[in-house]
Amino acid sequence: MTSVSIIIPAYESHPTLSRCLQALRGQSWQDFEIVLVDSSVHDHTQAILADFPEVRYHRHSGRLLPFAARNLAIQFAQGEILVSLDPDVYAATDWLARLLACHQQQGAAVAGGVTCYRQGLLDWGAHFCKYHGGLPYHTPGPVGSAASANLLFTREMYTTVGHFRDDLYCSDYLFTRALVNRGYTIWFEPAALVSHDHPVTWRTYLQERYSRGQEFGVVRAQLEHWSAAQALLWTILSVLPIRLARLLLKTGRTAHKGKAVGRYLQALPVTALGFEAWLLGEASAYGQAIISSTLPEREPHRHP
């Protein structure tokens, strides 16, 4: 029985899945299983799996959000070490070996670095916006949260924290924050590198950033039990350029460490628009929180 299970959710992932699985075939560390849960409407993803008989494949009849698919894949997995991977990332040859070496050395969950596969300005702008916390230019060390596109954790950690919340896209944020709150360390290892493929258009990019920011805002306000005053403050901070400037400066400093300032400056308008869409989504959620907290509770209707 293998001790390492790579967990991949798939939904209409056929444009990138074959390259993703080919990269896993080329790993220097080969003692692992791949468990893939597919909830696609069409059969294109399933057809690709005919060329990869080593993959443990499960086809689910209904649409699953990514973390619902991850939870299901973990039920099928045999490994004690679980590695969450997205179907649109391509792992470097030594990716898994570096994740495992870091886990063995640190005794921690490990988040790997994420770089951009395509080289267009829209691609890099989307990447700086979406993965500014996982750029491979960051210094190795403990972090407070991590993305599920490239994340190692143990089954014990998963069981202790509980399953991923399966109805949200920001469940990796909640899961990794919960790990830290339970006393676990998440170690960022930039050399455990994957390349993320961003087949985006302007429309899909900005729509996604807005909706993900809105979802995050709802979850944050609920978890932290914000008052109307707190929600108002963060609405103002999100609408004004204060938070936007901070995000851009922080990402720019990271790019400078990686000698990628030129690329960052070229993609800056794209990155800024993505951050702004996210912040507007947050502001919308906080505005709803203000309305909800100030509306009087309705008395139950009594029939005469």
Protein backbone atom coordinates (compact mmCIF):
# COMPACT_ATOMS: atom_id res chain seq x y z
CA MET A 1 0.00 0.00 0.00
CA THR A 2 1.35 3.39 -0.98
CA SER A 3 1.74 6.04 1.70
CA VAL A 4 1.16 9.02 -0.63
CA SER A 5 -2.10 9.87 -2.41
CA ILE A 6 -2.35 12.74 -4.90
CA ILE A 7 -5.89 14.10 -4.89
CA ILE A 8 -7.28 15.76 -8.03
CA PRO A 9 -10.81 17.12 -8.60
CA ALA A 10 -11.94 17.44 -12.19
CA TYR A 11 -14.80 19.24 -13.90
CA GLU A 12 -14.55 19.65 -17.68
CA SER A 13 -10.78 19.56 -17.14
CA HIS A 14 -9.86 17.92 -20.44
CA PRO A 15 -7.93 20.91 -21.88
CA THR A 16 -5.22 20.59 -19.21
CA LEU A 17 -5.60 17.17 -17.57
CA SER A 18 -3.42 15.13 -19.92
CA ARG A 19 -0.42 17.43 -19.44
CA CYS A 20 -1.03 17.41 -15.67
CA LEU A 21 -0.98 13.60 -15.54
CA GLN A 22 2.04 13.37 -17.85
CA ALA A 23 3.95 15.59 -15.42
CA LEU A 24 3.06 13.22 -12.58
CA ARG A 25 4.36 10.28 -14.63
CA GLY A 26 7.67 12.09 -14.86
CA GLN A 27 8.18 12.58 -11.12
CA SER A 28 11.53 11.57 -9.64
CA TRP A 29 9.63 10.13 -6.63
CA GLN A 30 7.29 7.46 -7.97
CA ASP A 31 5.80 5.77 -4.90
CA PHE A 32 2.34 7.36 -4.98
CA GLU A 33 -1.19 6.85 -6.19
CA ILE A 34 -3.40 9.32 -8.06
CA VAL A 35 -7.06 9.55 -7.09
CA LEU A 36 -9.22 11.62 -9.42
CA VAL A 37 -12.89 12.45 -8.92
CA ASP A 38 -14.63 13.68 -12.08
CA SER A 39 -18.04 15.37 -12.06
CA SER A 40 -17.99 16.58 -15.67
CA VAL A 41 -21.14 16.75 -17.77
CA HIS A 42 -19.34 15.49 -20.88
CA ASP A 43 -17.13 12.44 -21.37
CA HIS A 44 -13.96 14.22 -22.56
CA THR A 45 -12.20 13.97 -19.20
CA GLN A 46 -13.09 10.30 -18.83
CA ALA A 47 -11.75 9.59 -22.33
CA ILE A 48 -8.35 11.01 -21.36
CA LEU A 49 -8.14 8.56 -18.46
CA ALA A 50 -8.01 5.66 -20.94
CA ASP A 51 -4.37 6.66 -21.53
CA PHE A 52 -3.64 6.75 -17.78
CA PRO A 53 -4.72 3.37 -16.36
CA GLU A 54 -2.64 3.98 -13.23
CA VAL A 55 -5.11 6.65 -12.06
CA ARG A 56 -7.80 5.58 -9.61
CA TYR A 57 -10.79 7.19 -11.27
CA HIS A 58 -14.28 7.90 -9.92
CA ARG A 59 -17.02 9.45 -12.06
CA HIS A 60 -19.65 11.25 -10.02
CA SER A 61 -23.12 11.66 -11.49
CA GLY A 62 -23.77 15.23 -10.28
CA ARG A 63 -21.75 18.43 -10.36
CA LEU A 64 -19.33 18.71 -7.45
CA LEU A 65 -17.52 21.83 -6.40
CA PRO A 66 -13.75 21.29 -6.11
CA PHE A 67 -13.66 20.68 -2.36
CA ALA A 68 -16.59 18.29 -2.42
CA ALA A 69 -14.63 16.31 -5.03
CA ARG A 70 -11.51 16.46 -2.84
CA ASN A 71 -13.43 15.14 0.17
CA LEU A 72 -14.73 12.25 -1.91
CA ALA A 73 -11.28 11.50 -3.34
CA ILE A 74 -9.83 11.36 0.17
CA GLN A 75 -12.43 8.73 1.08
CA PHE A 76 -11.10 6.56 -1.76
CA ALA A 77 -7.42 7.31 -1.10
CA GLN A 78 -5.14 4.81 0.63
CA GLY A 79 -2.29 7.12 1.62
CA GLU A 80 -1.53 8.63 4.99
CA ILE A 81 0.07 11.60 3.23
CA LEU A 82 -2.41 13.51 1.07
CA VAL A 83 -1.37 15.93 -1.65
CA SER A 84 -3.97 18.25 -3.11
CA LEU A 85 -3.35 19.21 -6.73
CA ASP A 86 -5.41 21.04 -9.35
CA PRO A 87 -6.00 19.51 -12.79
CA ASP A 88 -4.63 22.63 -14.51
CA VAL A 89 -1.17 22.62 -12.91
CA TYR A 90 1.96 20.94 -14.25
CA ALA A 91 4.44 19.72 -11.65
CA ALA A 92 8.20 20.04 -11.98
CA THR A 93 10.07 16.71 -12.06
CA ASP A 94 11.27 17.04 -8.47
CA TRP A 95 8.02 18.55 -7.16
CA LEU A 96 6.79 15.62 -5.07
CA ALA A 97 10.27 14.72 -3.81
CA ARG A 98 10.71 18.27 -2.52
CA LEU A 99 7.28 18.34 -0.85
CA LEU A 100 7.99 15.06 0.93
CA ALA A 101 11.51 16.06 1.98
CA CYS A 102 10.19 19.30 3.45
CA HIS A 103 7.40 17.47 5.28
CA GLN A 104 9.88 14.99 6.72
CA GLN A 105 12.22 17.75 7.84
CA GLN A 106 9.62 20.15 9.24
CA GLY A 107 6.92 17.72 10.36
CA ALA A 108 4.43 20.17 8.88
CA ALA A 109 1.85 20.60 6.17
CA VAL A 110 3.66 21.90 3.10
CA ALA A 111 2.50 24.44 0.53
CA GLY A 112 4.53 24.49 -2.69
CA GLY A 113 5.29 27.35 -5.04
CA VAL A 114 3.06 28.19 -7.98
CA THR A 115 4.33 29.88 -11.13
CA CYS A 116 2.54 30.77 -14.38
CA TYR A 117 2.58 28.40 -17.35
CA ARG A 118 1.48 30.77 -20.12
CA GLN A 119 3.43 33.94 -20.81
CA GLY A 120 0.76 36.46 -21.89
CA LEU A 121 0.10 39.61 -19.88
CA LEU A 122 -3.44 38.49 -19.03
CA ASP A 123 -2.07 35.16 -17.83
CA TRP A 124 0.62 36.71 -15.64
CA GLY A 125 -1.71 39.42 -14.35
CA ALA A 126 -4.25 36.78 -13.34
CA HIS A 127 -1.48 34.76 -11.76
CA PHE A 128 -0.06 37.62 -9.69
CA CYS A 129 -3.59 38.35 -8.50
CA LYS A 130 -4.68 34.80 -7.71
CA TYR A 131 -1.43 33.35 -6.35
CA HIS A 132 0.40 36.32 -4.83
CA GLY A 133 0.70 34.34 -1.60
CA GLY A 134 2.20 31.29 -3.33
CA LEU A 135 4.64 32.90 -5.75
CA PRO A 136 7.94 30.98 -5.84
CA TYR A 137 9.78 34.22 -5.01
CA HIS A 138 8.66 34.07 -1.37
CA THR A 139 11.16 33.00 1.29
CA PRO A 140 10.67 29.47 2.67
CA GLY A 141 9.01 29.44 6.08
CA PRO A 142 5.75 29.13 8.01
CA VAL A 143 2.61 30.76 6.57
CA GLY A 144 -0.88 31.40 7.94
CA SER A 145 -2.85 29.92 5.04
CA ALA A 146 -2.25 28.26 1.68
CA ALA A 147 -3.93 27.35 -1.60
CA SER A 148 -5.06 23.82 -2.42
CA ALA A 149 -3.51 23.86 -5.90
CA ASN A 150 -0.24 22.57 -4.37
CA LEU A 151 -0.65 21.43 -0.76
CA LEU A 152 0.55 18.44 1.28
CA PHE A 153 -1.07 17.44 4.57
CA THR A 154 -1.50 14.23 6.51
CA ARG A 155 -4.63 12.21 7.05
CA GLU A 156 -4.26 12.91 10.76
CA MET A 157 -4.38 16.65 10.06
CA TYR A 158 -7.41 16.21 7.82
CA THR A 159 -9.24 14.13 10.42
CA THR A 160 -8.37 16.51 13.25
CA VAL A 161 -9.59 19.61 11.42
CA GLY A 162 -12.49 17.89 9.69
CA HIS A 163 -13.28 17.68 6.00
CA PHE A 164 -13.08 20.61 3.60
CA ARG A 165 -16.24 22.65 3.57
CA ASP A 166 -17.67 21.49 0.26
CA ASP A 167 -19.93 24.39 -0.68
CA LEU A 168 -17.26 27.11 -0.98
CA TYR A 169 -14.34 27.98 -3.23
CA CYS A 170 -12.36 29.46 -0.33
CA SER A 171 -12.40 26.21 1.67
CA ASP A 172 -8.62 25.87 1.39
CA TYR A 173 -8.28 29.17 3.27
CA LEU A 174 -10.64 27.91 6.00
CA PHE A 175 -8.94 24.50 6.17
CA THR A 176 -5.38 25.82 6.41
CA ARG A 177 -6.35 28.50 8.92
CA ALA A 178 -7.98 25.77 10.99
CA LEU A 179 -4.73 23.75 10.82
CA VAL A 180 -2.80 26.69 12.24
CA ASN A 181 -5.43 27.26 14.94
CA ARG A 182 -5.07 23.60 15.98
CA GLY A 183 -1.32 24.04 16.43
CA TYR A 184 -0.07 22.64 13.14
CA THR A 185 2.53 24.43 11.03
CA ILE A 186 2.13 25.13 7.31
CA TRP A 187 5.54 25.45 5.72
CA PHE A 188 5.94 27.24 2.39
CA GLU A 189 8.49 25.52 0.13
CA PRO A 190 8.85 27.55 -3.09
CA ALA A 191 11.11 24.96 -4.73
CA ALA A 192 8.28 22.37 -4.75
CA LEU A 193 7.05 24.01 -7.91
CA VAL A 194 4.04 23.65 -10.16
CA SER A 195 3.07 25.78 -13.17
CA HIS A 196 -0.53 26.94 -13.27
CA ASP A 197 -2.31 27.13 -16.63
CA HIS A 198 -4.75 30.06 -16.75
CA PRO A 199 -6.98 29.67 -19.84
CA VAL A 200 -8.89 32.88 -18.97
CA THR A 201 -10.59 35.68 -20.81
CA TRP A 202 -11.06 39.19 -19.44
CA ARG A 203 -14.68 38.43 -18.69
CA THR A 204 -14.12 35.13 -16.87
CA TYR A 205 -11.16 36.56 -14.96
CA LEU A 206 -13.00 39.59 -13.58
CA GLN A 207 -16.22 37.69 -12.93
CA GLU A 208 -14.34 35.04 -10.99
CA ARG A 209 -12.36 37.57 -8.95
CA TYR A 210 -15.55 39.45 -8.02
CA SER A 211 -17.52 36.34 -7.04
CA ARG A 212 -14.62 34.84 -5.07
CA GLY A 213 -14.12 38.13 -3.22
CA GLN A 214 -17.82 38.26 -2.43
CA GLU A 215 -17.79 34.70 -1.10
CA PHE A 216 -14.72 35.41 1.02
CA GLY A 217 -16.34 38.54 2.45
CA VAL A 218 -19.47 36.66 3.47
CA VAL A 219 -17.45 33.92 5.17
CA ARG A 220 -15.13 36.37 6.93
CA ALA A 221 -17.94 38.51 8.33
CA GLN A 222 -19.78 35.43 9.58
CA LEU A 223 -16.76 33.72 11.14
CA GLU A 224 -15.56 36.84 12.92
CA HIS A 225 -19.11 37.84 13.99
CA TRP A 226 -18.75 41.37 12.72
CA SER A 227 -20.93 44.16 13.98
CA ALA A 228 -22.45 46.68 11.58
CA ALA A 229 -19.65 49.12 12.49
CA GLN A 230 -16.93 46.60 11.63
CA ALA A 231 -18.59 45.74 8.34
CA LEU A 232 -18.91 49.45 7.50
CA LEU A 233 -15.23 50.05 8.24
CA TRP A 234 -14.12 47.22 5.97
CA THR A 235 -16.54 48.31 3.26
CA ILE A 236 -14.88 51.74 3.25
CA LEU A 237 -11.37 50.25 3.30
CA SER A 238 -12.26 47.95 0.40
CA VAL A 239 -13.80 50.68 -1.77
CA LEU A 240 -11.08 53.24 -1.16
CA PRO A 241 -7.67 52.52 -2.76
CA ILE A 242 -6.06 51.72 0.60
CA ARG A 243 -6.24 47.93 0.44
CA LEU A 244 -5.61 47.86 -3.31
CA ALA A 245 -2.36 49.81 -2.88
CA ARG A 246 -1.27 47.51 -0.06
CA LEU A 247 -1.89 44.37 -2.13
CA LEU A 248 -0.03 45.78 -5.13
CA LEU A 249 2.93 46.89 -3.02
CA LYS A 250 3.14 43.55 -1.23
CA THR A 251 3.03 41.61 -4.50
CA GLY A 252 5.54 43.98 -6.06
CA ARG A 253 8.01 43.41 -3.21
CA THR A 254 7.68 39.67 -3.72
CA ALA A 255 8.29 40.05 -7.46
CA HIS A 256 11.36 42.16 -6.69
CA LYS A 257 12.80 39.34 -4.56
CA GLY A 258 12.40 37.01 -7.52
CA LYS A 259 13.90 39.47 -10.00
CA ALA A 260 10.53 39.58 -11.78
CA VAL A 261 9.83 43.31 -11.45
CA GLY A 262 9.74 43.82 -15.21
CA ARG A 263 7.15 41.12 -15.67
CA TYR A 264 5.15 42.43 -12.72
CA LEU A 265 5.11 46.00 -14.04
CA GLN A 266 4.03 44.83 -17.50
CA ALA A 267 1.12 42.88 -16.02
CA LEU A 268 0.32 45.50 -13.36
CA PRO A 269 -2.92 46.82 -14.97
CA VAL A 270 -4.29 43.27 -15.20
CA THR A 271 -3.28 42.47 -11.64
CA ALA A 272 -4.76 45.72 -10.32
CA LEU A 273 -8.10 45.11 -12.04
CA GLY A 274 -8.26 41.59 -10.58
CA PHE A 275 -7.52 42.83 -7.07
CA GLU A 276 -10.08 45.62 -7.49
CA ALA A 277 -12.75 43.15 -8.66
CA TRP A 278 -12.06 41.02 -5.59
CA LEU A 279 -12.25 44.02 -3.24
CA LEU A 280 -15.52 45.18 -4.80
CA GLY A 281 -16.87 41.66 -4.24
CA GLU A 282 -15.81 41.88 -0.60
CA ALA A 283 -17.39 45.32 -0.24
CA SER A 284 -20.65 43.96 -1.63
CA ALA A 285 -20.62 41.18 0.98
CA TYR A 286 -19.85 43.60 3.80
CA GLY A 287 -22.65 45.89 2.64
CA GLN A 288 -25.06 42.97 2.86
CA ALA A 289 -23.72 42.23 6.36
CA ILE A 290 -24.51 45.81 7.40
CA ILE A 291 -28.05 45.53 6.09
CA SER A 292 -28.58 42.15 7.76
CA SER A 293 -27.29 43.33 11.14
CA THR A 294 -29.37 46.52 11.19
CA LEU A 295 -32.69 45.13 10.01
CA PRO A 296 -35.03 44.33 12.91
CA GLU A 297 -35.93 40.69 13.36
CA ARG A 298 -39.43 39.93 12.18
CA GLU A 299 -41.96 38.77 14.68
CA PRO A 300 -43.38 35.36 13.80
CA HIS A 301 -46.77 35.66 12.14
CA ARG A 302 -49.59 34.62 14.42
CA HIS A 303 -52.90 33.50 13.05
CA PRO A 304 -55.89 34.98 14.85
